[in-house]
Amino acid sequence: MYFPPGRGIRIILPVPARSTEKPHRPEEPAIATAVLFDVDGTLVDSNYLHVHAWRRAFHALDRDVDSWRVHRAIGKGSGKLLSTLLGDEDAGRIGDQAKELHSRFYLETADLLRPFDRAPDLIRTLAKRGMRVVLATSAAPDELKELRRVLDVDDVVAGIVSGDDVEATKPDPEPVFAALDKAGTAPEDTIFVGDAVWDVHAATKAGVRTVSVLSGGVGAAELTDAGAVAIYDDAAAILAGLDESVLVS
């Protein structure tokens, strides 16, 4: 089924089943009082810059990894991404070099970073309505600095969780739990917005409903199968349909 740009919403699934890791899930969905946002591919058009940077890093280390495989791993923390693409043994051997090269190549393209259409407006609108907004990303500090620069919403967010703030990265739920702590809200009162299946898996394990966007390059069917409760084209589509969305109704 096709949804025109700017109106791409699909309410598909009920609230995911109660998490076995933190069993505090309501039987009926509640109106959200906080929204946790992934950043890369959700608020900032950066996923394919990451793909290119990782490909360059692998090439420099004489490792052949197809770009489509890299893209499918985007959204995981760098350690998990490397284990997925190279295997645990090889990732252990060259992981630090690969991370350093990726960061260097990625930052070389920082001038190409841009927020998705209306993404900052969405964050500011939610904050103006009294919702607590937290950014939850696996980005390293130097990369996060650039993401914050292009988004320019630090003055309205309640907190930011980066890869350095947690020991385990997505799809582990620890980043979502850390973001919940920043928001000061219960999982059943919170929505996670992300572009990757890893976002959905992490949020679901933490007892949080996920709204997914297609702007990161992952298909609607895959996000639906992972457990997303609604799918939008992008941040602009969420903002356009905000009053009818699960975020506020």
Protein backbone atom coordinates (compact mmCIF):
# COMPACT_ATOMS: atom_id res chain seq x y z
CA MET A 1 0.00 0.00 0.00
CA TYR A 2 1.37 3.44 -0.93
CA PHE A 3 1.28 6.45 1.36
CA PRO A 4 1.97 9.83 -0.26
CA PRO A 5 4.89 11.81 1.14
CA GLY A 6 3.90 13.86 4.15
CA ARG A 7 0.91 11.65 4.94
CA GLY A 8 2.62 8.31 5.41
CA ILE A 9 1.03 6.94 8.55
CA ARG A 10 0.02 3.37 9.19
CA ILE A 11 -1.29 2.21 12.56
CA ILE A 12 -0.62 -1.48 12.37
CA LEU A 13 -0.04 -3.37 15.55
CA PRO A 14 -1.27 -3.34 19.14
CA VAL A 15 1.17 -2.44 21.89
CA PRO A 16 3.96 -5.07 21.93
CA ALA A 17 3.75 -7.85 24.51
CA ARG A 18 5.04 -7.28 28.05
CA SER A 19 8.84 -7.38 28.16
CA THR A 20 10.40 -10.23 30.12
CA GLU A 21 13.32 -7.99 31.06
CA LYS A 22 11.28 -5.22 32.73
CA PRO A 23 7.69 -6.37 33.18
CA HIS A 24 5.90 -3.05 33.38
CA ARG A 25 3.64 -2.81 30.36
CA PRO A 26 0.04 -1.57 30.44
CA GLU A 27 -2.72 -3.58 28.84
CA GLU A 28 -3.93 -0.44 27.05
CA PRO A 29 -1.64 2.17 25.46
CA ALA A 30 -1.30 5.43 27.37
CA ILE A 31 -0.92 8.95 26.01
CA ALA A 32 2.79 9.65 25.86
CA THR A 33 4.35 12.25 28.15
CA ALA A 34 7.85 11.78 26.70
CA VAL A 35 9.30 11.00 23.29
CA LEU A 36 12.71 9.43 22.83
CA PHE A 37 14.30 10.02 19.43
CA ASP A 38 16.97 8.12 17.60
CA VAL A 39 19.05 10.64 15.62
CA ASP A 40 20.86 9.11 12.61
CA GLY A 41 18.34 8.34 9.88
CA THR A 42 15.46 9.60 12.04
CA LEU A 43 16.18 13.29 12.60
CA VAL A 44 19.36 13.76 10.55
CA ASP A 45 20.06 12.55 7.00
CA SER A 46 23.24 10.69 7.85
CA ASN A 47 22.76 6.96 7.34
CA TYR A 48 24.28 6.78 3.89
CA LEU A 49 27.23 8.92 5.00
CA HIS A 50 27.83 6.24 7.64
CA VAL A 51 27.57 3.49 5.03
CA HIS A 52 30.17 5.21 2.84
CA ALA A 53 32.49 5.87 5.79
CA TRP A 54 32.35 2.24 6.91
CA ARG A 55 32.97 1.03 3.34
CA ARG A 56 36.04 3.26 3.11
CA ALA A 57 37.26 1.99 6.48
CA PHE A 58 36.85 -1.65 5.46
CA HIS A 59 38.56 -0.99 2.13
CA ALA A 60 41.52 0.63 3.90
CA LEU A 61 41.81 -2.51 6.06
CA ASP A 62 41.54 -4.90 3.08
CA ARG A 63 38.12 -6.17 4.09
CA ASP A 64 35.43 -6.59 1.44
CA VAL A 65 31.99 -5.83 2.86
CA ASP A 66 29.03 -5.08 0.60
CA SER A 67 27.38 -1.70 1.12
CA TRP A 68 23.92 -3.22 1.48
CA ARG A 69 25.16 -5.33 4.38
CA VAL A 70 26.62 -2.24 6.02
CA HIS A 71 23.31 -0.43 5.61
CA ARG A 72 21.37 -3.24 7.24
CA ALA A 73 23.64 -3.00 10.30
CA ILE A 74 23.35 0.78 10.65
CA GLY A 75 21.62 1.61 13.91
CA LYS A 76 23.59 -0.90 15.93
CA GLY A 77 26.44 0.32 18.10
CA SER A 78 29.79 0.21 16.29
CA GLY A 79 31.00 -2.83 18.20
CA LYS A 80 27.90 -4.84 17.34
CA LEU A 81 28.01 -3.58 13.75
CA LEU A 82 31.60 -4.80 13.34
CA SER A 83 30.82 -8.21 14.86
CA THR A 84 27.84 -8.56 12.54
CA LEU A 85 29.81 -7.67 9.42
CA LEU A 86 33.23 -9.18 10.19
CA GLY A 87 32.58 -11.84 12.80
CA ASP A 88 33.68 -11.60 16.42
CA GLU A 89 37.27 -12.75 15.83
CA ASP A 90 38.10 -10.33 13.00
CA ALA A 91 36.20 -7.52 14.72
CA GLY A 92 38.38 -8.09 17.77
CA ARG A 93 41.54 -7.83 15.67
CA ILE A 94 40.80 -4.68 13.68
CA GLY A 95 37.80 -3.18 15.44
CA ASP A 96 39.60 -0.20 16.98
CA GLN A 97 41.26 0.68 13.67
CA ALA A 98 37.97 0.35 11.82
CA LYS A 99 36.16 2.61 14.30
CA GLU A 100 38.88 5.26 14.07
CA LEU A 101 38.86 5.21 10.27
CA HIS A 102 35.07 5.30 10.12
CA SER A 103 34.95 8.31 12.40
CA ARG A 104 37.59 10.13 10.37
CA PHE A 105 35.91 9.44 7.03
CA TYR A 106 32.47 10.28 8.41
CA LEU A 107 33.59 13.61 9.85
CA GLU A 108 35.14 14.49 6.49
CA THR A 109 31.57 14.55 5.14
CA ALA A 110 30.07 16.50 8.05
CA ASP A 111 29.28 19.45 5.78
CA LEU A 112 26.75 17.18 4.02
CA LEU A 113 24.79 16.54 7.21
CA ARG A 114 21.35 18.10 7.32
CA PRO A 115 18.25 17.63 9.44
CA PHE A 116 15.35 15.95 7.71
CA ASP A 117 12.58 18.30 6.66
CA ARG A 118 10.73 19.69 9.72
CA ALA A 119 12.70 17.49 12.15
CA PRO A 120 13.75 20.38 14.42
CA ASP A 121 10.19 21.76 14.20
CA LEU A 122 8.82 18.41 15.38
CA ILE A 123 11.06 18.41 18.44
CA ARG A 124 10.24 22.03 19.28
CA THR A 125 6.52 21.43 18.83
CA LEU A 126 6.54 18.45 21.18
CA ALA A 127 8.54 20.36 23.77
CA LYS A 128 6.18 23.33 23.50
CA ARG A 129 3.28 20.99 24.23
CA GLY A 130 4.98 20.00 27.47
CA MET A 131 6.40 16.65 26.38
CA ARG A 132 9.87 15.68 27.49
CA VAL A 133 12.10 15.00 24.50
CA VAL A 134 15.30 12.95 24.82
CA LEU A 135 17.76 12.12 22.04
CA ALA A 136 19.14 8.56 22.19
CA THR A 137 21.98 7.79 19.80
CA SER A 138 24.93 5.42 19.51
CA ALA A 139 27.09 8.24 18.12
CA ALA A 140 30.56 8.88 19.48
CA PRO A 141 31.20 12.30 21.06
CA ASP A 142 32.78 13.90 17.98
CA GLU A 143 29.96 12.65 15.76
CA LEU A 144 27.31 13.69 18.29
CA LYS A 145 28.75 17.20 18.31
CA GLU A 146 28.03 17.49 14.58
CA LEU A 147 24.54 16.03 14.92
CA ARG A 148 23.69 18.50 17.66
CA ARG A 149 25.06 21.33 15.56
CA VAL A 150 22.82 20.60 12.57
CA LEU A 151 19.71 19.88 14.67
CA ASP A 152 20.13 22.95 16.89
CA VAL A 153 17.54 21.86 19.49
CA ASP A 154 19.67 21.57 22.62
CA ASP A 155 17.68 24.34 24.26
CA VAL A 156 14.45 22.30 24.28
CA VAL A 157 15.52 18.68 24.83
CA ALA A 158 15.39 17.19 28.31
CA GLY A 159 18.52 15.12 27.80
CA ILE A 160 20.83 13.30 25.39
CA VAL A 161 22.11 9.72 25.63
CA SER A 162 25.14 8.81 23.52
CA GLY A 163 27.16 5.66 22.96
CA ASP A 164 29.58 6.74 25.69
CA ASP A 165 26.78 6.79 28.28
CA VAL A 166 26.01 3.07 28.12
CA GLU A 167 27.92 -0.21 28.14
CA ALA A 168 25.58 -2.02 25.76
CA THR A 169 24.23 -0.42 22.58
CA LYS A 170 21.13 -1.07 20.47
CA PRO A 171 19.51 -3.53 19.96
CA ASP A 172 20.19 -3.98 23.68
CA PRO A 173 17.61 -1.99 25.68
CA GLU A 174 20.19 -0.21 27.88
CA PRO A 175 20.19 3.01 25.77
CA VAL A 176 16.40 3.16 26.04
CA PHE A 177 16.51 2.65 29.81
CA ALA A 178 19.11 5.43 30.04
CA ALA A 179 16.88 7.71 27.96
CA LEU A 180 13.91 6.89 30.20
CA ASP A 181 15.99 7.94 33.18
CA LYS A 182 16.74 11.26 31.46
CA ALA A 183 13.05 11.75 30.65
CA GLY A 184 11.89 10.74 34.11
CA THR A 185 8.92 8.85 32.70
CA ALA A 186 7.62 5.29 32.82
CA PRO A 187 7.93 3.08 29.72
CA GLU A 188 4.15 2.95 29.21
CA ASP A 189 4.03 6.77 29.11
CA THR A 190 6.80 7.02 26.53
CA ILE A 191 7.20 6.65 22.75
CA PHE A 192 10.43 5.85 20.94
CA VAL A 193 10.85 7.19 17.40
CA GLY A 194 13.45 5.51 15.19
CA ASP A 195 14.28 4.33 11.69
CA ALA A 196 15.86 0.92 12.25
CA VAL A 197 14.63 -2.47 13.38
CA TRP A 198 17.31 -2.24 16.08
CA ASP A 199 15.46 0.74 17.51
CA VAL A 200 12.24 -1.26 17.65
CA HIS A 201 13.94 -4.25 19.27
CA ALA A 202 15.65 -2.10 21.91
CA ALA A 203 12.53 -0.12 22.75
CA THR A 204 10.29 -3.18 22.91
CA LYS A 205 12.67 -4.90 25.33
CA ALA A 206 12.44 -1.80 27.52
CA GLY A 207 8.62 -1.83 27.40
CA VAL A 208 8.36 1.25 25.16
CA ARG A 209 6.17 1.58 22.07
CA THR A 210 7.97 2.47 18.83
CA VAL A 211 6.90 4.75 16.00
CA SER A 212 9.09 4.13 12.96
CA VAL A 213 10.08 6.32 10.02
CA LEU A 214 11.16 5.25 6.54
CA SER A 215 13.79 7.98 6.21
CA GLY A 216 16.63 5.67 7.21
CA GLY A 217 16.07 3.36 4.27
CA VAL A 218 14.42 0.40 6.03
CA GLY A 219 11.14 -0.83 4.57
CA ALA A 220 7.75 -0.57 6.23
CA ALA A 221 7.15 -4.33 6.24
CA GLU A 222 10.37 -5.03 8.11
CA LEU A 223 9.68 -2.33 10.68
CA THR A 224 6.12 -3.59 11.13
CA ASP A 225 7.33 -7.15 11.62
CA ALA A 226 9.79 -5.90 14.25
CA GLY A 227 6.88 -4.44 16.24
CA ALA A 228 6.45 -0.78 15.31
CA VAL A 229 2.99 0.50 16.27
CA ALA A 230 2.92 3.14 13.52
CA ILE A 231 4.95 3.97 10.41
CA TYR A 232 5.52 7.39 8.86
CA ASP A 233 7.53 8.54 5.89
CA ASP A 234 9.65 10.91 7.96
CA ALA A 235 9.67 13.53 10.72
CA ALA A 236 7.67 15.94 8.57
CA ALA A 237 4.89 13.36 8.20
CA ILE A 238 4.75 12.86 11.96
CA LEU A 239 4.45 16.61 12.47
CA ALA A 240 1.74 16.92 9.81
CA GLY A 241 -0.35 14.21 11.49
CA LEU A 242 0.68 14.88 15.06
CA ASP A 243 -2.79 15.50 16.49
CA GLU A 244 -3.98 12.09 15.26
CA SER A 245 -0.79 10.24 16.17
CA VAL A 246 -0.08 7.86 19.04
CA LEU A 247 2.30 10.49 20.40
CA VAL A 248 -0.51 12.74 21.58
CA SER A 249 -3.77 10.80 21.26
